[in-house]
C-alpha cells in the first residue's frame, strides 16, 4: 500500500493510505493537536512535555 503525504511548506497537512485519509489538526501556534480520520476527530491529551496520547 502506498501512503501519500500532503504538505503546506514543511507541515504535513494530511496523509492518504489506500482510501483512508487522515487530516492533521494544528493550533494557532502550529502545534499538532489532533487529527481527523474517516470523519472522526481525535485530539491529543498532553501528558508532560513530549508525550501525546489520543483521547
N, C-alpha and C. Protein backbone atom coordinates (compact mmCIF):
# COMPACT_ATOMS: atom_id res chain seq x y z
N UNK A 1 0.85 -1.17 0.00
CA UNK A 1 0.00 0.00 0.00
C UNK A 1 0.90 1.24 0.00
N UNK A 2 0.53 2.20 -0.79
CA UNK A 2 1.26 3.46 -0.88
C UNK A 2 0.63 4.48 0.05
N UNK A 3 1.46 5.25 0.75
CA UNK A 3 0.99 6.36 1.56
C UNK A 3 1.48 7.65 0.93
N UNK A 4 0.56 8.56 0.66
CA UNK A 4 0.88 9.87 0.12
C UNK A 4 0.71 10.91 1.22
N UNK A 5 1.62 11.87 1.25
CA UNK A 5 1.59 12.95 2.23
C UNK A 5 1.31 14.27 1.51
N UNK A 6 0.50 15.11 2.12
CA UNK A 6 0.14 16.41 1.56
C UNK A 6 0.71 17.48 2.48
N UNK A 7 1.56 18.33 1.92
CA UNK A 7 2.31 19.30 2.70
C UNK A 7 1.88 20.73 2.43
N UNK A 8 2.06 21.57 3.45
CA UNK A 8 1.98 23.02 3.32
C UNK A 8 3.34 23.51 3.78
N UNK A 9 4.24 23.75 2.85
CA UNK A 9 5.63 24.01 3.22
C UNK A 9 6.23 22.72 3.76
N UNK A 10 6.68 22.74 5.01
CA UNK A 10 7.22 21.53 5.64
C UNK A 10 6.25 20.89 6.62
N UNK A 11 5.01 21.40 6.67
CA UNK A 11 4.00 20.90 7.60
C UNK A 11 3.14 19.85 6.91
N UNK A 12 3.03 18.67 7.52
CA UNK A 12 2.17 17.62 6.97
C UNK A 12 0.72 17.96 7.31
N UNK A 13 -0.08 18.18 6.29
CA UNK A 13 -1.48 18.52 6.49
C UNK A 13 -2.36 17.27 6.49
N UNK A 14 -1.98 16.27 5.67
CA UNK A 14 -2.79 15.07 5.56
C UNK A 14 -1.93 13.93 5.04
N UNK A 15 -2.42 12.72 5.28
CA UNK A 15 -1.81 11.55 4.66
C UNK A 15 -2.91 10.64 4.16
N UNK A 16 -2.66 9.98 3.03
CA UNK A 16 -3.65 9.09 2.43
C UNK A 16 -3.01 7.75 2.17
N UNK A 17 -3.63 6.70 2.72
CA UNK A 17 -3.20 5.32 2.51
C UNK A 17 -4.40 4.57 1.97
N UNK A 18 -4.32 4.12 0.72
CA UNK A 18 -5.48 3.49 0.09
C UNK A 18 -6.60 4.51 0.02
N UNK A 19 -7.77 4.16 0.55
CA UNK A 19 -8.90 5.10 0.55
C UNK A 19 -9.04 5.84 1.88
N UNK A 20 -8.14 5.57 2.83
CA UNK A 20 -8.19 6.22 4.15
C UNK A 20 -7.39 7.51 4.14
N UNK A 21 -8.00 8.60 4.64
CA UNK A 21 -7.33 9.90 4.71
C UNK A 21 -7.32 10.38 6.15
N UNK A 22 -6.16 10.82 6.60
CA UNK A 22 -6.00 11.39 7.94
C UNK A 22 -5.57 12.85 7.77
N UNK A 23 -6.40 13.77 8.28
CA UNK A 23 -6.09 15.20 8.26
C UNK A 23 -5.58 15.58 9.63
N UNK A 24 -4.47 16.30 9.70
CA UNK A 24 -3.91 16.72 10.98
C UNK A 24 -4.47 18.07 11.38
N UNK A 25 -4.71 18.24 12.68
CA UNK A 25 -5.28 19.46 13.25
C UNK A 25 -4.17 20.19 14.01
N UNK A 26 -4.02 21.48 13.74
CA UNK A 26 -2.98 22.29 14.37
C UNK A 26 -3.62 23.46 15.11
N UNK A 27 -2.95 23.90 16.20
CA UNK A 27 -3.43 25.09 16.90
C UNK A 27 -2.84 26.34 16.24
N UNK A 28 -3.12 27.50 16.80
CA UNK A 28 -2.68 28.76 16.20
C UNK A 28 -1.16 28.94 16.26
N UNK A 29 -0.47 28.13 17.08
CA UNK A 29 0.99 28.19 17.16
C UNK A 29 1.66 27.20 16.21
N UNK A 30 0.86 26.41 15.51
CA UNK A 30 1.41 25.43 14.58
C UNK A 30 1.73 24.09 15.22
N UNK A 31 1.28 23.89 16.45
CA UNK A 31 1.49 22.62 17.15
C UNK A 31 0.37 21.66 16.77
N UNK A 32 0.74 20.44 16.39
CA UNK A 32 -0.28 19.46 16.04
C UNK A 32 -1.02 19.05 17.31
N UNK A 33 -2.35 19.16 17.30
CA UNK A 33 -3.16 18.88 18.49
C UNK A 33 -4.13 17.72 18.27
N UNK A 34 -4.15 17.16 17.08
CA UNK A 34 -5.04 16.04 16.83
C UNK A 34 -5.10 15.72 15.35
N UNK A 35 -6.10 14.92 15.00
CA UNK A 35 -6.29 14.53 13.61
C UNK A 35 -7.73 14.12 13.37
N UNK A 36 -8.13 14.15 12.12
CA UNK A 36 -9.42 13.66 11.69
C UNK A 36 -9.18 12.45 10.81
N UNK A 37 -9.83 11.34 11.15
CA UNK A 37 -9.63 10.09 10.42
C UNK A 37 -10.99 9.48 10.10
N UNK A 38 -11.26 9.33 8.83
CA UNK A 38 -12.54 8.75 8.38
C UNK A 38 -13.74 9.42 9.03
N UNK A 39 -13.69 10.74 9.12
CA UNK A 39 -14.83 11.52 9.61
C UNK A 39 -14.89 11.73 11.11
N UNK A 40 -14.01 11.09 11.88
CA UNK A 40 -13.99 11.26 13.33
C UNK A 40 -12.76 12.07 13.72
N UNK A 41 -12.92 13.03 14.65
CA UNK A 41 -11.81 13.86 15.10
C UNK A 41 -11.28 13.35 16.43
N UNK A 42 -9.97 13.25 16.52
CA UNK A 42 -9.28 12.81 17.72
C UNK A 42 -8.33 13.91 18.15
N UNK A 43 -8.37 14.28 19.43
CA UNK A 43 -7.48 15.30 19.96
C UNK A 43 -6.50 14.66 20.92
N UNK A 44 -5.27 15.17 20.91
CA UNK A 44 -4.25 14.65 21.81
C UNK A 44 -4.43 15.23 23.20
N UNK A 45 -4.19 14.42 24.19
CA UNK A 45 -4.15 14.87 25.58
C UNK A 45 -2.68 14.91 25.98
N UNK A 46 -2.20 16.08 26.33
CA UNK A 46 -0.79 16.22 26.67
C UNK A 46 -0.53 15.65 28.06
N UNK A 47 0.50 14.85 28.13
CA UNK A 47 0.93 14.26 29.40
C UNK A 47 2.40 14.60 29.58
N UNK A 48 2.67 15.78 30.10
CA UNK A 48 4.06 16.22 30.21
C UNK A 48 4.47 16.99 28.97
N UNK A 49 5.75 17.14 28.79
CA UNK A 49 6.26 17.95 27.70
C UNK A 49 6.25 17.28 26.35
N UNK A 50 6.60 16.01 26.29
CA UNK A 50 6.86 15.39 24.99
C UNK A 50 5.90 14.28 24.61
N UNK A 51 4.99 13.93 25.46
CA UNK A 51 4.12 12.79 25.17
C UNK A 51 2.72 13.26 24.80
N UNK A 52 2.16 12.63 23.80
CA UNK A 52 0.78 12.90 23.41
C UNK A 52 0.06 11.58 23.32
N UNK A 53 -1.14 11.55 23.84
CA UNK A 53 -1.94 10.33 23.83
C UNK A 53 -3.29 10.64 23.22
N UNK A 54 -3.78 9.79 22.29
CA UNK A 54 -5.13 10.02 21.75
C UNK A 54 -6.16 9.95 22.85
N UNK A 55 -7.16 10.79 22.76
CA UNK A 55 -8.25 10.80 23.73
C UNK A 55 -9.42 10.03 23.15
